[in-house]
Amino acid sequence: MPSREELLQEVWKSQDEAYDLMVEYDSLPHHYGKNILYQAEGHVIDMIAAYPGITITELATILKKTASACSQIVRKLKEKGWVEQSRNRDNNRQFNLTLTESGMQVFRDHQEFSKDCQDKTFELLAGLTEEELSAHIKVQRVLNLAYKGDVERSRERFQ
């Protein structure tokens, strides 16, 4: 039986591997139906579909990105004909975002792709018991607290 220290080191190693795989996954283009998008573009499309009329500032807050980063993604999606911007009637300085008809199709294709990924993951997890899954969730929540603390401490150092 491995020691507690060895188990903790394995948790650390597994988290590093998961992070590297997620970064790689996010950096790759994905086929959603007939269209190719990056993960960040798919997230923006999902948010505009969920919140029609959302502004770039609101989008940035939800996605925890800068308004500038969201603006760049929105510009690309507009160029592809998937997003429209219209001036807010109540605030002339704001623009509201909506999906075009083809943008809605990309959204549906992205949802289908995500569901397929989730189904495949759940198939891989089928052999685990509810107790094992619950234990993993408990450990992951503690790790997330650690990551949140790391983020907060890093932000404090640059303020």
N, C-alpha and C. Protein backbone atom coordinates (compact mmCIF):
# COMPACT_ATOMS: atom_id res chain seq x y z
N MET A 1 0.85 -1.18 0.00
CA MET A 1 0.00 0.00 0.00
C MET A 1 0.89 1.24 0.00
N PRO A 2 0.62 2.17 -0.93
CA PRO A 2 1.43 3.39 -0.98
C PRO A 2 1.22 4.24 0.28
N SER A 3 2.24 4.99 0.63
CA SER A 3 2.14 5.88 1.79
C SER A 3 1.26 7.08 1.44
N ARG A 4 0.84 7.81 2.46
CA ARG A 4 0.04 9.01 2.25
C ARG A 4 0.79 10.00 1.36
N GLU A 5 2.08 10.17 1.63
CA GLU A 5 2.90 11.10 0.82
C GLU A 5 2.93 10.67 -0.64
N GLU A 6 3.08 9.37 -0.89
CA GLU A 6 3.09 8.86 -2.27
C GLU A 6 1.73 9.10 -2.93
N LEU A 7 0.66 8.89 -2.20
CA LEU A 7 -0.69 9.13 -2.74
C LEU A 7 -0.89 10.61 -3.07
N LEU A 8 -0.45 11.48 -2.17
CA LEU A 8 -0.58 12.92 -2.42
C LEU A 8 0.24 13.34 -3.64
N GLN A 9 1.43 12.78 -3.78
CA GLN A 9 2.25 13.08 -4.96
C GLN A 9 1.56 12.59 -6.24
N GLU A 10 0.89 11.44 -6.16
CA GLU A 10 0.15 10.92 -7.32
C GLU A 10 -1.03 11.81 -7.67
N VAL A 11 -1.72 12.33 -6.65
CA VAL A 11 -2.82 13.29 -6.89
C VAL A 11 -2.26 14.51 -7.62
N TRP A 12 -1.14 15.03 -7.12
CA TRP A 12 -0.51 16.21 -7.74
C TRP A 12 -0.15 15.92 -9.20
N LYS A 13 0.46 14.78 -9.44
CA LYS A 13 0.87 14.39 -10.78
C LYS A 13 -0.36 14.24 -11.70
N SER A 14 -1.41 13.63 -11.18
CA SER A 14 -2.64 13.44 -11.98
C SER A 14 -3.29 14.78 -12.32
N GLN A 15 -3.27 15.72 -11.37
CA GLN A 15 -3.84 17.05 -11.64
C GLN A 15 -3.02 17.77 -12.71
N ASP A 16 -1.70 17.67 -12.63
CA ASP A 16 -0.85 18.29 -13.65
C ASP A 16 -1.15 17.70 -15.03
N GLU A 17 -1.30 16.39 -15.09
CA GLU A 17 -1.60 15.74 -16.37
C GLU A 17 -2.96 16.18 -16.89
N ALA A 18 -3.96 16.25 -16.02
CA ALA A 18 -5.30 16.69 -16.42
C ALA A 18 -5.25 18.13 -16.95
N TYR A 19 -4.51 18.98 -16.26
CA TYR A 19 -4.37 20.38 -16.69
C TYR A 19 -3.74 20.46 -18.08
N ASP A 20 -2.65 19.73 -18.28
CA ASP A 20 -1.97 19.74 -19.58
C ASP A 20 -2.91 19.27 -20.70
N LEU A 21 -3.69 18.23 -20.42
CA LEU A 21 -4.63 17.73 -21.43
C LEU A 21 -5.74 18.74 -21.72
N MET A 22 -6.23 19.42 -20.69
CA MET A 22 -7.27 20.42 -20.90
C MET A 22 -6.75 21.62 -21.68
N VAL A 23 -5.53 22.04 -21.38
CA VAL A 23 -4.93 23.15 -22.13
C VAL A 23 -4.78 22.75 -23.60
N GLU A 24 -4.29 21.55 -23.84
CA GLU A 24 -4.14 21.09 -25.22
C GLU A 24 -5.49 21.01 -25.92
N TYR A 25 -6.49 20.45 -25.23
CA TYR A 25 -7.84 20.33 -25.80
C TYR A 25 -8.38 21.71 -26.18
N ASP A 26 -8.23 22.68 -25.26
CA ASP A 26 -8.75 24.02 -25.52
C ASP A 26 -8.04 24.72 -26.67
N SER A 27 -6.78 24.34 -26.92
CA SER A 27 -6.01 25.00 -27.98
C SER A 27 -6.29 24.43 -29.37
N LEU A 28 -6.99 23.30 -29.42
CA LEU A 28 -7.25 22.64 -30.71
C LEU A 28 -8.57 23.12 -31.31
N PRO A 29 -8.61 23.23 -32.64
CA PRO A 29 -9.90 23.51 -33.27
C PRO A 29 -10.76 22.25 -33.24
N HIS A 30 -12.08 22.44 -33.15
CA HIS A 30 -13.01 21.32 -33.10
C HIS A 30 -14.05 21.49 -34.19
N HIS A 31 -14.49 20.36 -34.73
CA HIS A 31 -15.55 20.37 -35.75
C HIS A 31 -16.90 20.32 -35.07
N TYR A 32 -17.68 21.34 -35.29
CA TYR A 32 -19.06 21.38 -34.81
C TYR A 32 -19.93 21.39 -36.06
N GLY A 33 -20.45 20.22 -36.40
CA GLY A 33 -21.17 20.11 -37.67
C GLY A 33 -20.20 20.37 -38.80
N LYS A 34 -20.54 21.34 -39.66
CA LYS A 34 -19.68 21.68 -40.79
C LYS A 34 -18.69 22.79 -40.45
N ASN A 35 -18.73 23.27 -39.23
CA ASN A 35 -17.93 24.43 -38.84
C ASN A 35 -16.80 24.03 -37.90
N ILE A 36 -15.74 24.84 -37.93
CA ILE A 36 -14.59 24.62 -37.06
C ILE A 36 -14.49 25.81 -36.12
N LEU A 37 -14.44 25.50 -34.82
CA LEU A 37 -14.31 26.53 -33.79
C LEU A 37 -13.29 26.11 -32.76
N TYR A 38 -12.77 27.10 -32.07
CA TYR A 38 -11.97 26.84 -30.89
C TYR A 38 -12.90 26.83 -29.68
N GLN A 39 -12.46 26.21 -28.62
CA GLN A 39 -13.27 26.06 -27.42
C GLN A 39 -13.77 27.41 -26.91
N ALA A 40 -12.92 28.42 -26.90
CA ALA A 40 -13.31 29.75 -26.40
C ALA A 40 -14.45 30.32 -27.24
N GLU A 41 -14.41 30.09 -28.55
CA GLU A 41 -15.49 30.57 -29.42
C GLU A 41 -16.79 29.84 -29.11
N GLY A 42 -16.69 28.54 -28.86
CA GLY A 42 -17.87 27.75 -28.50
C GLY A 42 -18.50 28.23 -27.21
N HIS A 43 -17.66 28.60 -26.22
CA HIS A 43 -18.19 29.10 -24.95
C HIS A 43 -18.93 30.43 -25.15
N VAL A 44 -18.38 31.29 -25.99
CA VAL A 44 -19.03 32.58 -26.25
C VAL A 44 -20.38 32.35 -26.94
N ILE A 45 -20.40 31.47 -27.92
CA ILE A 45 -21.66 31.17 -28.61
C ILE A 45 -22.68 30.60 -27.62
N ASP A 46 -22.24 29.71 -26.73
CA ASP A 46 -23.14 29.15 -25.72
C ASP A 46 -23.74 30.24 -24.84
N MET A 47 -22.92 31.20 -24.42
CA MET A 47 -23.40 32.26 -23.53
C MET A 47 -24.37 33.20 -24.25
N ILE A 48 -24.09 33.51 -25.51
CA ILE A 48 -25.00 34.38 -26.27
C ILE A 48 -26.33 33.66 -26.49
N ALA A 49 -26.28 32.36 -26.72
CA ALA A 49 -27.52 31.59 -26.88
C ALA A 49 -28.31 31.56 -25.57
N ALA A 50 -27.60 31.42 -24.46
CA ALA A 50 -28.26 31.35 -23.15
C ALA A 50 -28.79 32.71 -22.71
N TYR A 51 -28.11 33.78 -23.11
CA TYR A 51 -28.48 35.14 -22.68
C TYR A 51 -28.56 36.07 -23.90
N PRO A 52 -29.58 35.89 -24.75
CA PRO A 52 -29.70 36.77 -25.92
C PRO A 52 -29.76 38.24 -25.47
N GLY A 53 -28.98 39.07 -26.14
CA GLY A 53 -28.93 40.48 -25.79
C GLY A 53 -27.82 40.82 -24.80
N ILE A 54 -27.04 39.82 -24.41
CA ILE A 54 -25.93 40.04 -23.48
C ILE A 54 -24.94 41.03 -24.08
N THR A 55 -24.26 41.79 -23.22
CA THR A 55 -23.22 42.71 -23.68
C THR A 55 -21.85 42.05 -23.52
N ILE A 56 -20.87 42.63 -24.15
CA ILE A 56 -19.51 42.09 -24.04
C ILE A 56 -19.03 42.17 -22.60
N THR A 57 -19.35 43.23 -21.89
CA THR A 57 -18.96 43.36 -20.49
C THR A 57 -19.57 42.25 -19.65
N GLU A 58 -20.85 41.97 -19.85
CA GLU A 58 -21.52 40.90 -19.11
C GLU A 58 -20.93 39.54 -19.47
N LEU A 59 -20.64 39.36 -20.75
CA LEU A 59 -20.02 38.13 -21.23
C LEU A 59 -18.67 37.91 -20.55
N ALA A 60 -17.87 38.96 -20.47
CA ALA A 60 -16.55 38.89 -19.85
C ALA A 60 -16.67 38.50 -18.37
N THR A 61 -17.65 39.06 -17.70
CA THR A 61 -17.85 38.74 -16.28
C THR A 61 -18.20 37.27 -16.10
N ILE A 62 -19.12 36.77 -16.90
CA ILE A 62 -19.54 35.37 -16.79
C ILE A 62 -18.39 34.42 -17.12
N LEU A 63 -17.66 34.72 -18.17
CA LEU A 63 -16.59 33.83 -18.63
C LEU A 63 -15.26 34.06 -17.90
N LYS A 64 -15.22 35.06 -17.04
CA LYS A 64 -14.01 35.40 -16.28
C LYS A 64 -12.83 35.68 -17.22
N LYS A 65 -13.14 36.49 -18.24
CA LYS A 65 -12.13 36.93 -19.21
C LYS A 65 -12.17 38.45 -19.25
N THR A 66 -11.20 39.04 -19.91
CA THR A 66 -11.24 40.49 -20.07
C THR A 66 -12.25 40.84 -21.15
N ALA A 67 -12.76 42.06 -21.07
CA ALA A 67 -13.69 42.53 -22.11
C ALA A 67 -12.99 42.56 -23.46
N SER A 68 -11.70 42.88 -23.44
CA SER A 68 -10.92 42.92 -24.68
C SER A 68 -10.84 41.53 -25.33
N ALA A 69 -10.59 40.50 -24.53
CA ALA A 69 -10.52 39.13 -25.06
C ALA A 69 -11.88 38.72 -25.63
N CYS A 70 -12.95 39.03 -24.92
CA CYS A 70 -14.29 38.69 -25.41
C CYS A 70 -14.62 39.46 -26.68
N SER A 71 -14.21 40.72 -26.72
CA SER A 71 -14.46 41.54 -27.90
C SER A 71 -13.78 40.95 -29.14
N GLN A 72 -12.55 40.46 -28.97
CA GLN A 72 -11.83 39.84 -30.09
C GLN A 72 -12.55 38.60 -30.60
N ILE A 73 -13.03 37.78 -29.66
CA ILE A 73 -13.76 36.56 -30.06
C ILE A 73 -15.05 36.93 -30.76
N VAL A 74 -15.78 37.90 -30.21
CA VAL A 74 -17.04 38.33 -30.81
C VAL A 74 -16.79 38.87 -32.22
N ARG A 75 -15.72 39.63 -32.40
CA ARG A 75 -15.39 40.16 -33.73
C ARG A 75 -15.21 39.02 -34.74
N LYS A 76 -14.50 37.97 -34.33
CA LYS A 76 -14.30 36.82 -35.22
C LYS A 76 -15.62 36.13 -35.54
N LEU A 77 -16.47 36.00 -34.53
CA LEU A 77 -17.76 35.34 -34.73
C LEU A 77 -18.68 36.19 -35.61
N LYS A 78 -18.57 37.50 -35.50
CA LYS A 78 -19.33 38.39 -36.38
C LYS A 78 -18.85 38.23 -37.82
N GLU A 79 -17.53 38.17 -38.01
CA GLU A 79 -16.97 38.01 -39.36
C GLU A 79 -17.43 36.70 -40.00
N LYS A 80 -17.65 35.68 -39.18
CA LYS A 80 -18.13 34.39 -39.69
C LYS A 80 -19.64 34.40 -39.91
N GLY A 81 -20.30 35.47 -39.50
CA GLY A 81 -21.74 35.59 -39.69
C GLY A 81 -22.57 34.87 -38.65
N TRP A 82 -22.01 34.62 -37.48
CA TRP A 82 -22.73 33.86 -36.45
C TRP A 82 -23.27 34.73 -35.33
N VAL A 83 -22.74 35.94 -35.21
CA VAL A 83 -23.16 36.85 -34.14
C VAL A 83 -23.50 38.21 -34.74
N GLU A 84 -24.53 38.83 -34.17
CA GLU A 84 -24.90 40.19 -34.55
C GLU A 84 -24.82 41.08 -33.32
N GLN A 85 -24.47 42.34 -33.56
CA GLN A 85 -24.46 43.35 -32.50
C GLN A 85 -25.49 44.40 -32.85
N SER A 86 -26.27 44.79 -31.87
CA SER A 86 -27.22 45.89 -32.10
C SER A 86 -27.10 46.87 -30.94
N ARG A 87 -27.24 48.14 -31.25
CA ARG A 87 -27.11 49.19 -30.23
C ARG A 87 -28.25 49.06 -29.22
N ASN A 88 -27.91 49.18 -27.96
CA ASN A 88 -28.88 49.12 -26.88
C ASN A 88 -29.75 50.38 -26.92
N ARG A 89 -31.05 50.19 -26.93
CA ARG A 89 -31.97 51.34 -27.02
C ARG A 89 -31.90 52.23 -25.79
N ASP A 90 -31.61 51.64 -24.63
CA ASP A 90 -31.59 52.41 -23.38
C ASP A 90 -30.23 53.03 -23.07
N ASN A 91 -29.18 52.45 -23.63
CA ASN A 91 -27.84 52.95 -23.39
C ASN A 91 -27.09 52.94 -24.72
N ASN A 92 -26.96 54.10 -25.31
CA ASN A 92 -26.39 54.22 -26.66
C ASN A 92 -24.95 53.74 -26.76
N ARG A 93 -24.26 53.60 -25.62
CA ARG A 93 -22.86 53.16 -25.65
C ARG A 93 -22.72 51.65 -25.61
N GLN A 94 -23.79 50.95 -25.32
CA GLN A 94 -23.73 49.48 -25.22
C GLN A 94 -24.29 48.82 -26.47
N PHE A 95 -23.75 47.64 -26.73
CA PHE A 95 -24.24 46.83 -27.84
C PHE A 95 -24.68 45.48 -27.30
N ASN A 96 -25.81 45.01 -27.77
CA ASN A 96 -26.33 43.71 -27.36
C ASN A 96 -25.99 42.68 -28.42
N LEU A 97 -25.68 41.47 -27.95
CA LEU A 97 -25.27 40.39 -28.85
C LEU A 97 -26.37 39.35 -28.99
N THR A 98 -26.56 38.89 -30.21
CA THR A 98 -27.49 37.79 -30.49
C THR A 98 -26.86 36.89 -31.55
N LEU A 99 -27.34 35.67 -31.61
CA LEU A 99 -26.87 34.75 -32.64
C LEU A 99 -27.73 34.91 -33.89
N THR A 100 -27.08 34.78 -35.03
CA THR A 100 -27.81 34.75 -36.29
C THR A 100 -28.41 33.34 -36.44
N GLU A 101 -29.15 33.14 -37.51
CA GLU A 101 -29.70 31.80 -37.78
C GLU A 101 -28.58 30.77 -37.89
N SER A 102 -27.52 31.12 -38.63
CA SER A 102 -26.39 30.17 -38.76
C SER A 102 -25.65 30.04 -37.43
N GLY A 103 -25.61 31.09 -36.62
CA GLY A 103 -25.02 31.02 -35.30
C GLY A 103 -25.79 30.07 -34.39
N MET A 104 -27.11 30.06 -34.52
CA MET A 104 -27.93 29.13 -33.74
C MET A 104 -27.64 27.69 -34.15
N GLN A 105 -27.37 27.46 -35.44
CA GLN A 105 -27.02 26.11 -35.89
C GLN A 105 -25.67 25.69 -35.32
N VAL A 106 -24.72 26.61 -35.29
CA VAL A 106 -23.42 26.32 -34.69
C VAL A 106 -23.61 25.99 -33.21
N PHE A 107 -24.48 26.74 -32.52
CA PHE A 107 -24.78 26.47 -31.12
C PHE A 107 -25.33 25.06 -30.95
N ARG A 108 -26.29 24.70 -31.77
CA ARG A 108 -26.88 23.34 -31.67
C ARG A 108 -25.82 22.27 -31.95
N ASP A 109 -24.98 22.50 -32.95
CA ASP A 109 -23.91 21.54 -33.26
C ASP A 109 -22.91 21.45 -32.11
N HIS A 110 -22.61 22.58 -31.48
CA HIS A 110 -21.69 22.58 -30.34
C HIS A 110 -22.30 21.82 -29.17
N GLN A 111 -23.59 22.00 -28.94
CA GLN A 111 -24.27 21.27 -27.87
C GLN A 111 -24.23 19.76 -28.13
N GLU A 112 -24.45 19.37 -29.36
CA GLU A 112 -24.40 17.95 -29.73
C GLU A 112 -23.01 17.37 -29.51
N PHE A 113 -21.99 18.13 -29.92
CA PHE A 113 -20.60 17.71 -29.75
C PHE A 113 -20.29 17.55 -28.26
N SER A 114 -20.69 18.53 -27.45
CA SER A 114 -20.44 18.48 -26.01
C SER A 114 -21.14 17.30 -25.35
N LYS A 115 -22.36 17.04 -25.77
CA LYS A 115 -23.13 15.90 -25.23
C LYS A 115 -22.43 14.59 -25.57
N ASP A 116 -21.93 14.49 -26.78
CA ASP A 116 -21.20 13.29 -27.20
C ASP A 116 -19.94 13.09 -26.35
N CYS A 117 -19.20 14.17 -26.10
CA CYS A 117 -18.01 14.09 -25.24
C CYS A 117 -18.40 13.65 -23.84
N GLN A 118 -19.47 14.22 -23.31
CA GLN A 118 -19.93 13.86 -21.97
C GLN A 118 -20.35 12.39 -21.91
N ASP A 119 -21.07 11.94 -22.92
CA ASP A 119 -21.50 10.53 -22.96
C ASP A 119 -20.31 9.59 -22.95
N LYS A 120 -19.28 9.92 -23.73
CA LYS A 120 -18.08 9.07 -23.79
C LYS A 120 -17.35 9.05 -22.44
N THR A 121 -17.30 10.20 -21.79
CA THR A 121 -16.67 10.27 -20.47
C THR A 121 -17.45 9.44 -19.47
N PHE A 122 -18.77 9.56 -19.48
CA PHE A 122 -19.61 8.80 -18.55
C PHE A 122 -19.49 7.30 -18.80
N GLU A 123 -19.30 6.90 -20.06
CA GLU A 123 -19.08 5.47 -20.35
C GLU A 123 -17.79 4.99 -19.68
N LEU A 124 -16.73 5.83 -19.74
CA LEU A 124 -15.46 5.46 -19.11
C LEU A 124 -15.59 5.38 -17.59
N LEU A 125 -16.50 6.17 -17.02
CA LEU A 125 -16.69 6.18 -15.57
C LEU A 125 -17.70 5.14 -15.09
N ALA A 126 -18.30 4.41 -16.01
CA ALA A 126 -19.37 3.47 -15.67
C ALA A 126 -18.92 2.40 -14.67
N GLY A 127 -17.66 2.04 -14.69
CA GLY A 127 -17.17 0.99 -13.80
C GLY A 127 -16.89 1.45 -12.37
N LEU A 128 -17.01 2.74 -12.13
CA LEU A 128 -16.76 3.24 -10.77
C LEU A 128 -18.06 3.23 -9.96
N THR A 129 -17.91 2.97 -8.68
CA THR A 129 -19.07 2.95 -7.80
C THR A 129 -19.46 4.39 -7.43
N GLU A 130 -20.66 4.53 -6.90
CA GLU A 130 -21.11 5.84 -6.43
C GLU A 130 -20.20 6.35 -5.31
N GLU A 131 -19.73 5.43 -4.49
CA GLU A 131 -18.82 5.80 -3.40
C GLU A 131 -17.51 6.35 -3.96
N GLU A 132 -16.97 5.70 -4.98
CA GLU A 132 -15.73 6.18 -5.60
C GLU A 132 -15.93 7.54 -6.26
N LEU A 133 -17.05 7.70 -6.95
CA LEU A 133 -17.34 8.99 -7.59
C LEU A 133 -17.50 10.09 -6.54
N SER A 134 -18.19 9.79 -5.45
CA SER A 134 -18.38 10.77 -4.37
C SER A 134 -17.05 11.15 -3.75
N ALA A 135 -16.17 10.17 -3.56
CA ALA A 135 -14.84 10.45 -3.00
C ALA A 135 -14.05 11.36 -3.93
N HIS A 136 -14.14 11.10 -5.22
CA HIS A 136 -13.44 11.95 -6.19
C HIS A 136 -13.95 13.38 -6.12
N ILE A 137 -15.26 13.54 -6.08
CA ILE A 137 -15.85 14.87 -6.01
C ILE A 137 -15.37 15.60 -4.76
N LYS A 138 -15.33 14.91 -3.66
CA LYS A 138 -14.88 15.51 -2.40
C LYS A 138 -13.42 15.98 -2.52
N VAL A 139 -12.57 15.13 -3.07
CA VAL A 139 -11.16 15.49 -3.27
C VAL A 139 -11.05 16.66 -4.24
N GLN A 140 -11.78 16.62 -5.34
CA GLN A 140 -11.69 17.68 -6.35
C GLN A 140 -12.13 19.02 -5.77
N ARG A 141 -13.14 19.02 -4.93
CA ARG A 141 -13.60 20.28 -4.32
C ARG A 141 -12.52 20.88 -3.42
N VAL A 142 -11.80 20.04 -2.70
CA VAL A 142 -10.70 20.53 -1.87
C VAL A 142 -9.57 21.07 -2.75
N LEU A 143 -9.26 20.35 -3.82
CA LEU A 143 -8.24 20.83 -4.75
C LEU A 143 -8.64 22.17 -5.37
N ASN A 144 -9.92 22.31 -5.71
CA ASN A 144 -10.40 23.58 -6.28
C ASN A 144 -10.23 24.73 -5.29
N LEU A 145 -10.43 24.46 -4.00
CA LEU A 145 -10.19 25.48 -2.98
C LEU A 145 -8.70 25.88 -2.97
N ALA A 146 -7.85 24.89 -3.11
CA ALA A 146 -6.40 25.18 -3.15
C ALA A 146 -6.06 26.03 -4.37
N TYR A 147 -6.61 25.68 -5.53
CA TYR A 147 -6.36 26.46 -6.75
C TYR A 147 -6.89 27.88 -6.61
N LYS A 148 -8.08 28.01 -6.02
CA LYS A 148 -8.67 29.33 -5.81
C LYS A 148 -7.75 30.17 -4.92
N GLY A 149 -7.24 29.56 -3.87
CA GLY A 149 -6.30 30.27 -2.99
C GLY A 149 -5.04 30.69 -3.73
N ASP A 150 -4.52 29.80 -4.59
CA ASP A 150 -3.33 30.14 -5.39
C ASP A 150 -3.61 31.34 -6.28
N VAL A 151 -4.78 31.35 -6.91
CA VAL A 151 -5.17 32.45 -7.79
C VAL A 151 -5.26 33.75 -7.00
N GLU A 152 -5.93 33.71 -5.85
CA GLU A 152 -6.10 34.92 -5.04
C GLU A 152 -4.75 35.46 -4.56
N ARG A 153 -3.87 34.58 -4.10
CA ARG A 153 -2.54 35.02 -3.65
C ARG A 153 -1.73 35.60 -4.80
N SER A 154 -1.84 35.01 -5.97
CA SER A 154 -1.11 35.53 -7.14
C SER A 154 -1.64 36.91 -7.54
N ARG A 155 -2.95 37.07 -7.50
CA ARG A 155 -3.55 38.38 -7.84
C ARG A 155 -3.11 39.44 -6.84
N GLU A 156 -3.07 39.10 -5.56
CA GLU A 156 -2.68 40.06 -4.53
C GLU A 156 -1.25 40.55 -4.74
N ARG A 157 -0.39 39.71 -5.23
CA ARG A 157 1.02 40.08 -5.43
C ARG A 157 1.19 41.10 -6.54
N PHE A 158 0.23 41.18 -7.45
CA PHE A 158 0.35 42.09 -8.59
C PHE A 158 -0.57 43.30 -8.47
N GLN A 159 -1.09 43.54 -7.28
CA GLN A 159 -1.96 44.71 -7.11
C GLN A 159 -1.24 45.80 -6.39
